Amino acid sequence: MICALGAAVCFGTASVLQAVASRAAAEPGADAGVDPALLLRALRQWRYIAGLALDGCGFVLQIIALRSLPIYAVGAALAASLAVTAVVAARLLKVRLSGVEWTAVGVVCAGLGMLGLASGGEGHGTGSAALGWTMLGISLGILLIGVAAGRLPERPRALVLGLGAGCGFGVVEVTVRLINDMSPSALLADPAGYALLLGGGSAFLLLTSALQRGSVTTATAGMVLGETIGPALVGVIWLGDRTREGLVWPAVAGFVVAVAGALALARFGEAPADTPEPAEPTEPTTPGRL
């Protein structure tokens, strides 16, 4: 659980840096759909690069956590990165949190505490070969749905982009558990490896677009739901994730409480739009999370 919480801290801090970079990289009047050029422009900013470095650390910690904890516990902990983002925004960006939002931060912590006490070890199920191919198909579908989201009105567009990004991150959570042989020859023949790369890449692209366009709260709420509920069900049904003996309901309650608290903090999916931002230099001296 320590690794899962460490990943949440990395991802939550990276979100603040990436949100500022995504806003600065946006071009007025650009297409409202998924824009790969937006990602390329964001990569020229040091804040985005710093966020990526934190994302890399968080991903390593996430993999370690997924190798020892059920997916439902890791997913809830990662959703709690919104609580980290809220606290970091309050400290670094001088964003004022309401009493309800501070309460939500406490609720997330309480839910994670319940999960930590009730969750068992990693399930020993390996899933069928069909599950790997299913994850690959879902990854392709996520990318296609994200591209089509540009034609939707603002609110459903934000929800679809956020939900798609969350499902992509969920694919990563599941495929990490499906990959048992890390040798190059095994990875090349394993559909789960391709699903991990495509799902993660699609999630990053959709999330970058969702951060810059539409309702941030709606997009982030969709992402939280996408990266927690589906992967948790896959872990329990197909991969053998369980709780400690007699602690099923405390685990369920902890999961629901943690996710509900994260949803209450959904506006912190990015830095507030009215937050003053330092001017970006035209030519950064160093190359500039998804």
Foldseek 3Di string as FASTA:
>chain_A
DVLLLLLLLLQLVLQALLLLLLQVLDDPPDQLAQDPVSVVSQQQAASNVSSAVSNVSSVVSLLVCLQWFFLQLSLLSNLLSLLSNVVCCCPPLVDDDDPVLVVLNVLLVVLNVLQVQWWDTAFQFQFDLVVLVVLLVLLVVLLVQRRVLSVDPQLVSLLSLLLSLLLLLQLLSNLSSNDDDPDPVVLVVRSSNVSNVSSNVSSQSSLSSSSNGGQQLNSQLSNSVNNNDVSNVCRVPGRPTDIPPPSPVSNVVSSVSSSVSSSVSSNSSYRDPPRDDDDDDPRDPDGHND
